[in-house]
Amino acid sequence: MSAPNASEILLFNISGVEMLKINKTSEPFVLPVSNLSPGLYFIAVKIGASITTKKILIN
């Protein structure tokens, strides 16, 4: 059974390819992006049945 604040963080490139997947059970956390190319990405955060998606720019 998952912890109440368990979440899944997904990072996709502009083409929709999954670049990163992290399962987290606590806050805060650092998103490891140093090995990614600069550009526009989409981050999706799943908490339970809820999904929030945002655009992020990596320089």
PDB file of N, CA and C in Angstrom:
ATOM      1  N   MET A   1       0.845  -1.184   0.000  1.00  0.00           N
ATOM      2  CA  MET A   1       0.000   0.000   0.000  1.00  0.00           C
ATOM      3  C   MET A   1       0.882   1.236   0.000  1.00  0.00           C
ATOM      4  N   SER A   2       0.515   2.230  -0.768  1.00  0.00           N
ATOM      5  CA  SER A   2       1.302   3.449  -0.896  1.00  0.00           C
ATOM      6  C   SER A   2       1.076   4.384   0.275  1.00  0.00           C
ATOM      7  N   ALA A   3       2.095   5.188   0.533  1.00  0.00           N
ATOM      8  CA  ALA A   3       1.970   6.230   1.545  1.00  0.00           C
ATOM      9  C   ALA A   3       0.987   7.281   1.055  1.00  0.00           C
ATOM     10  N   PRO A   4       0.325   8.012   1.959  1.00  0.00           N
ATOM     11  CA  PRO A   4      -0.676   9.003   1.535  1.00  0.00           C
ATOM     12  C   PRO A   4      -0.130  10.067   0.592  1.00  0.00           C
ATOM     13  N   ASN A   5       1.154  10.435   0.710  1.00  0.00           N
ATOM     14  CA  ASN A   5       1.705  11.463  -0.158  1.00  0.00           C
ATOM     15  C   ASN A   5       2.578  10.867  -1.260  1.00  0.00           C
ATOM     16  N   ALA A   6       2.400   9.581  -1.563  1.00  0.00           N
ATOM     17  CA  ALA A   6       3.170   8.939  -2.622  1.00  0.00           C
ATOM     18  C   ALA A   6       2.783   9.546  -3.959  1.00  0.00           C
ATOM     19  N   SER A   7       3.775   9.721  -4.805  1.00  0.00           N
ATOM     20  CA  SER A   7       3.500  10.298  -6.112  1.00  0.00           C
ATOM     21  C   SER A   7       4.456   9.718  -7.141  1.00  0.00           C
ATOM     22  N   GLU A   8       4.082   9.911  -8.393  1.00  0.00           N
ATOM     23  CA  GLU A   8       4.916   9.499  -9.509  1.00  0.00           C
ATOM     24  C   GLU A   8       5.160  10.739 -10.362  1.00  0.00           C
ATOM     25  N   ILE A   9       6.418  10.997 -10.677  1.00  0.00           N
ATOM     26  CA  ILE A   9       6.779  12.155 -11.485  1.00  0.00           C
ATOM     27  C   ILE A   9       7.316  11.637 -12.811  1.00  0.00           C
ATOM     28  N   LEU A  10       6.737  12.119 -13.900  1.00  0.00           N
ATOM     29  CA  LEU A  10       7.150  11.713 -15.241  1.00  0.00           C
ATOM     30  C   LEU A  10       7.595  12.941 -16.011  1.00  0.00           C
ATOM     31  N   LEU A  11       8.685  12.813 -16.754  1.00  0.00           N
ATOM     32  CA  LEU A  11       9.186  13.906 -17.568  1.00  0.00           C
ATOM     33  C   LEU A  11       9.234  13.436 -19.018  1.00  0.00           C
ATOM     34  N   PHE A  12       8.597  14.205 -19.901  1.00  0.00           N
ATOM     35  CA  PHE A  12       8.522  13.865 -21.319  1.00  0.00           C
ATOM     36  C   PHE A  12       9.176  14.962 -22.139  1.00  0.00           C
ATOM     37  N   ASN A  13       9.834  14.574 -23.240  1.00  0.00           N
ATOM     38  CA  ASN A  13      10.362  15.596 -24.140  1.00  0.00           C
ATOM     39  C   ASN A  13       9.231  16.113 -25.025  1.00  0.00           C
ATOM     40  N   ILE A  14       9.535  17.052 -25.882  1.00  0.00           N
ATOM     41  CA  ILE A  14       8.522  17.697 -26.717  1.00  0.00           C
ATOM     42  C   ILE A  14       7.851  16.703 -27.671  1.00  0.00           C
ATOM     43  N   SER A  15       8.525  15.586 -27.980  1.00  0.00           N
ATOM     44  CA  SER A  15       7.968  14.560 -28.862  1.00  0.00           C
ATOM     45  C   SER A  15       7.102  13.550 -28.115  1.00  0.00           C
ATOM     46  N   GLY A  16       7.036  13.678 -26.792  1.00  0.00           N
ATOM     47  CA  GLY A  16       6.216  12.767 -25.997  1.00  0.00           C
ATOM     48  C   GLY A  16       6.947  11.537 -25.501  1.00  0.00           C
ATOM     49  N   VAL A  17       8.263  11.499 -25.685  1.00  0.00           N
ATOM     50  CA  VAL A  17       9.064  10.374 -25.222  1.00  0.00           C
ATOM     51  C   VAL A  17       9.363  10.546 -23.731  1.00  0.00           C
ATOM     52  N   GLU A  18       9.098   9.498 -22.944  1.00  0.00           N
ATOM     53  CA  GLU A  18       9.371   9.557 -21.506  1.00  0.00           C
ATOM     54  C   GLU A  18      10.877   9.574 -21.280  1.00  0.00           C
ATOM     55  N   MET A  19      11.347  10.607 -20.608  1.00  0.00           N
ATOM     56  CA  MET A  19      12.772  10.783 -20.353  1.00  0.00           C
ATOM     57  C   MET A  19      13.165  10.416 -18.922  1.00  0.00           C
ATOM     58  N   LEU A  20      12.206  10.494 -18.017  1.00  0.00           N
ATOM     59  CA  LEU A  20      12.503  10.300 -16.605  1.00  0.00           C
ATOM     60  C   LEU A  20      11.239   9.858 -15.886  1.00  0.00           C
ATOM     61  N   LYS A  21      11.393   8.917 -14.959  1.00  0.00           N
ATOM     62  CA  LYS A  21      10.261   8.460 -14.145  1.00  0.00           C
ATOM     63  C   LYS A  21      10.769   8.274 -12.720  1.00  0.00           C
ATOM     64  N   ILE A  22      10.111   8.948 -11.785  1.00  0.00           N
ATOM     65  CA  ILE A  22      10.522   8.903 -10.387  1.00  0.00           C
ATOM     66  C   ILE A  22       9.303   8.589  -9.531  1.00  0.00           C
ATOM     67  N   ASN A  23       9.449   7.645  -8.617  1.00  0.00           N
ATOM     68  CA  ASN A  23       8.414   7.367  -7.627  1.00  0.00           C
ATOM     69  C   ASN A  23       8.877   7.971  -6.308  1.00  0.00           C
ATOM     70  N   LYS A  24       8.063   8.848  -5.749  1.00  0.00           N
ATOM     71  CA  LYS A  24       8.420   9.542  -4.514  1.00  0.00           C
ATOM     72  C   LYS A  24       7.386   9.258  -3.441  1.00  0.00           C
ATOM     73  N   THR A  25       7.863   9.138  -2.220  1.00  0.00           N
ATOM     74  CA  THR A  25       6.966   8.936  -1.088  1.00  0.00           C
ATOM     75  C   THR A  25       7.133  10.030  -0.043  1.00  0.00           C
ATOM     76  N   SER A  26       8.008  11.007  -0.323  1.00  0.00           N
ATOM     77  CA  SER A  26       8.186  12.099   0.632  1.00  0.00           C
ATOM     78  C   SER A  26       8.557  13.364  -0.115  1.00  0.00           C
ATOM     79  N   GLU A  27       8.466  14.477   0.581  1.00  0.00           N
ATOM     80  CA  GLU A  27       8.822  15.778   0.019  1.00  0.00           C
ATOM     81  C   GLU A  27       9.955  16.355   0.840  1.00  0.00           C
ATOM     82  N   PRO A  28      10.737  17.240   0.361  1.00  0.00           N
ATOM     83  CA  PRO A  28      10.917  17.679  -1.020  1.00  0.00           C
ATOM     84  C   PRO A  28      11.804  16.709  -1.773  1.00  0.00           C
ATOM     85  N   PHE A  29      11.967  16.947  -3.049  1.00  0.00           N
ATOM     86  CA  PHE A  29      12.855  16.128  -3.856  1.00  0.00           C
ATOM     87  C   PHE A  29      13.505  17.008  -4.919  1.00  0.00           C
ATOM     88  N   VAL A  30      14.600  16.518  -5.482  1.00  0.00           N
ATOM     89  CA  VAL A  30      15.310  17.226  -6.537  1.00  0.00           C
ATOM     90  C   VAL A  30      15.121  16.437  -7.825  1.00  0.00           C
ATOM     91  N   LEU A  31      14.717  17.134  -8.865  1.00  0.00           N
ATOM     92  CA  LEU A  31      14.526  16.504 -10.171  1.00  0.00           C
ATOM     93  C   LEU A  31      15.873  16.492 -10.895  1.00  0.00           C
ATOM     94  N   PRO A  32      16.455  15.311 -11.134  1.00  0.00           N
ATOM     95  CA  PRO A  32      17.780  15.246 -11.749  1.00  0.00           C
ATOM     96  C   PRO A  32      17.710  15.496 -13.262  1.00  0.00           C
ATOM     97  N   VAL A  33      18.038  16.706 -13.688  1.00  0.00           N
ATOM     98  CA  VAL A  33      17.928  17.075 -15.105  1.00  0.00           C
ATOM     99  C   VAL A  33      19.281  17.411 -15.727  1.00  0.00           C
ATOM    100  N   SER A  34      20.371  17.240 -15.003  1.00  0.00           N
ATOM    101  CA  SER A  34      21.678  17.636 -15.514  1.00  0.00           C
ATOM    102  C   SER A  34      22.100  16.840 -16.750  1.00  0.00           C
ATOM    103  N   ASN A  35      21.555  15.646 -16.939  1.00  0.00           N
ATOM    104  CA  ASN A  35      21.930  14.838 -18.091  1.00  0.00           C
ATOM    105  C   ASN A  35      20.981  15.032 -19.279  1.00  0.00           C
ATOM    106  N   LEU A  36      20.030  15.951 -19.183  1.00  0.00           N
ATOM    107  CA  LEU A  36      19.081  16.213 -20.267  1.00  0.00           C
ATOM    108  C   LEU A  36      19.536  17.392 -21.109  1.00  0.00           C
ATOM    109  N   SER A  37      19.197  17.344 -22.385  1.00  0.00           N
ATOM    110  CA  SER A  37      19.512  18.453 -23.291  1.00  0.00           C
ATOM    111  C   SER A  37      18.614  19.641 -22.986  1.00  0.00           C
ATOM    112  N   PRO A  38      19.117  20.861 -23.195  1.00  0.00           N
ATOM    113  CA  PRO A  38      18.270  22.038 -23.005  1.00  0.00           C
ATOM    114  C   PRO A  38      17.063  21.987 -23.942  1.00  0.00           C
ATOM    115  N   GLY A  39      15.935  22.468 -23.453  1.00  0.00           N
ATOM    116  CA  GLY A  39      14.736  22.506 -24.284  1.00  0.00           C
ATOM    117  C   GLY A  39      13.466  22.478 -23.459  1.00  0.00           C
ATOM    118  N   LEU A  40      12.349  22.347 -24.151  1.00  0.00           N
ATOM    119  CA  LEU A  40      11.034  22.321 -23.529  1.00  0.00           C
ATOM    120  C   LEU A  40      10.650  20.887 -23.195  1.00  0.00           C
ATOM    121  N   TYR A  41      10.153  20.679 -21.985  1.00  0.00           N
ATOM    122  CA  TYR A  41       9.725  19.363 -21.513  1.00  0.00           C
ATOM    123  C   TYR A  41       8.363  19.500 -20.850  1.00  0.00           C
ATOM    124  N   PHE A  42       7.709  18.383 -20.671  1.00  0.00           N
ATOM    125  CA  PHE A  42       6.453  18.331 -19.939  1.00  0.00           C
ATOM    126  C   PHE A  42       6.667  17.468 -18.708  1.00  0.00           C
ATOM    127  N   ILE A  43       6.208  17.961 -17.567  1.00  0.00           N
ATOM    128  CA  ILE A  43       6.297  17.197 -16.329  1.00  0.00           C
ATOM    129  C   ILE A  43       4.885  16.849 -15.891  1.00  0.00           C
ATOM    130  N   ALA A  44       4.676  15.577 -15.597  1.00  0.00           N
ATOM    131  CA  ALA A  44       3.378  15.099 -15.130  1.00  0.00           C
ATOM    132  C   ALA A  44       3.563  14.549 -13.723  1.00  0.00           C
ATOM    133  N   VAL A  45       2.728  14.992 -12.811  1.00  0.00           N
ATOM    134  CA  VAL A  45       2.775  14.533 -11.424  1.00  0.00           C
ATOM    135  C   VAL A  45       1.471  13.807 -11.138  1.00  0.00           C
ATOM    136  N   LYS A  46       1.601  12.525 -10.788  1.00  0.00           N
ATOM    137  CA  LYS A  46       0.439  11.705 -10.435  1.00  0.00           C
ATOM    138  C   LYS A  46       0.404  11.528  -8.933  1.00  0.00           C
ATOM    139  N   ILE A  47      -0.716  11.892  -8.334  1.00  0.00           N
ATOM    140  CA  ILE A  47      -0.941  11.650  -6.910  1.00  0.00           C
ATOM    141  C   ILE A  47      -2.293  10.966  -6.816  1.00  0.00           C
ATOM    142  N   GLY A  48      -2.278   9.694  -6.503  1.00  0.00           N
ATOM    143  CA  GLY A  48      -3.515   8.926  -6.510  1.00  0.00           C
ATOM    144  C   GLY A  48      -4.072   8.873  -7.920  1.00  0.00           C
ATOM    145  N   ALA A  49      -5.340   9.249  -8.084  1.00  0.00           N
ATOM    146  CA  ALA A  49      -5.977   9.253  -9.401  1.00  0.00           C
ATOM    147  C   ALA A  49      -5.833  10.605 -10.102  1.00  0.00           C
ATOM    148  N   SER A  50      -5.225  11.571  -9.437  1.00  0.00           N
ATOM    149  CA  SER A  50      -5.085  12.921  -9.985  1.00  0.00           C
ATOM    150  C   SER A  50      -3.753  13.071 -10.735  1.00  0.00           C
ATOM    151  N   ILE A  51      -3.804  13.703 -11.911  1.00  0.00           N
ATOM    152  CA  ILE A  51      -2.600  13.969 -12.707  1.00  0.00           C
ATOM    153  C   ILE A  51      -2.566  15.454 -13.057  1.00  0.00           C
ATOM    154  N   THR A  52      -1.432  16.097 -12.784  1.00  0.00           N
ATOM    155  CA  THR A  52      -1.213  17.486 -13.156  1.00  0.00           C
ATOM    156  C   THR A  52      -0.031  17.535 -14.108  1.00  0.00           C
ATOM    157  N   THR A  53      -0.196  18.220 -15.238  1.00  0.00           N
ATOM    158  CA  THR A  53       0.865  18.338 -16.235  1.00  0.00           C
ATOM    159  C   THR A  53       1.214  19.800 -16.459  1.00  0.00           C
ATOM    160  N   LYS A  54       2.515  20.089 -16.488  1.00  0.00           N
ATOM    161  CA  LYS A  54       3.017  21.439 -16.703  1.00  0.00           C
ATOM    162  C   LYS A  54       4.173  21.410 -17.681  1.00  0.00           C
ATOM    163  N   LYS A  55       4.421  22.529 -18.341  1.00  0.00           N
ATOM    164  CA  LYS A  55       5.588  22.679 -19.203  1.00  0.00           C
ATOM    165  C   LYS A  55       6.738  23.225 -18.383  1.00  0.00           C
ATOM    166  N   ILE A  56       7.955  22.732 -18.655  1.00  0.00           N
ATOM    167  CA  ILE A  56       9.138  23.289 -18.011  1.00  0.00           C
ATOM    168  C   ILE A  56      10.213  23.479 -19.076  1.00  0.00           C
ATOM    169  N   LEU A  57      11.044  24.464 -18.866  1.00  0.00           N
ATOM    170  CA  LEU A  57      12.144  24.768 -19.776  1.00  0.00           C
ATOM    171  C   LEU A  57      13.447  24.450 -19.046  1.00  0.00           C
ATOM    172  N   ILE A  58      14.248  23.601 -19.660  1.00  0.00           N
ATOM    173  CA  ILE A  58      15.547  23.253 -19.088  1.00  0.00           C
ATOM    174  C   ILE A  58      16.611  23.969 -19.907  1.00  0.00           C
ATOM    175  N   ASN A  59      17.420  24.773 -19.227  1.00  0.00           N
ATOM    176  CA  ASN A  59      18.486  25.549 -19.908  1.00  0.00           C
ATOM    177  C   ASN A  59      19.788  24.800 -19.908  1.00  0.00           C
TER     178      ASN A  59
END
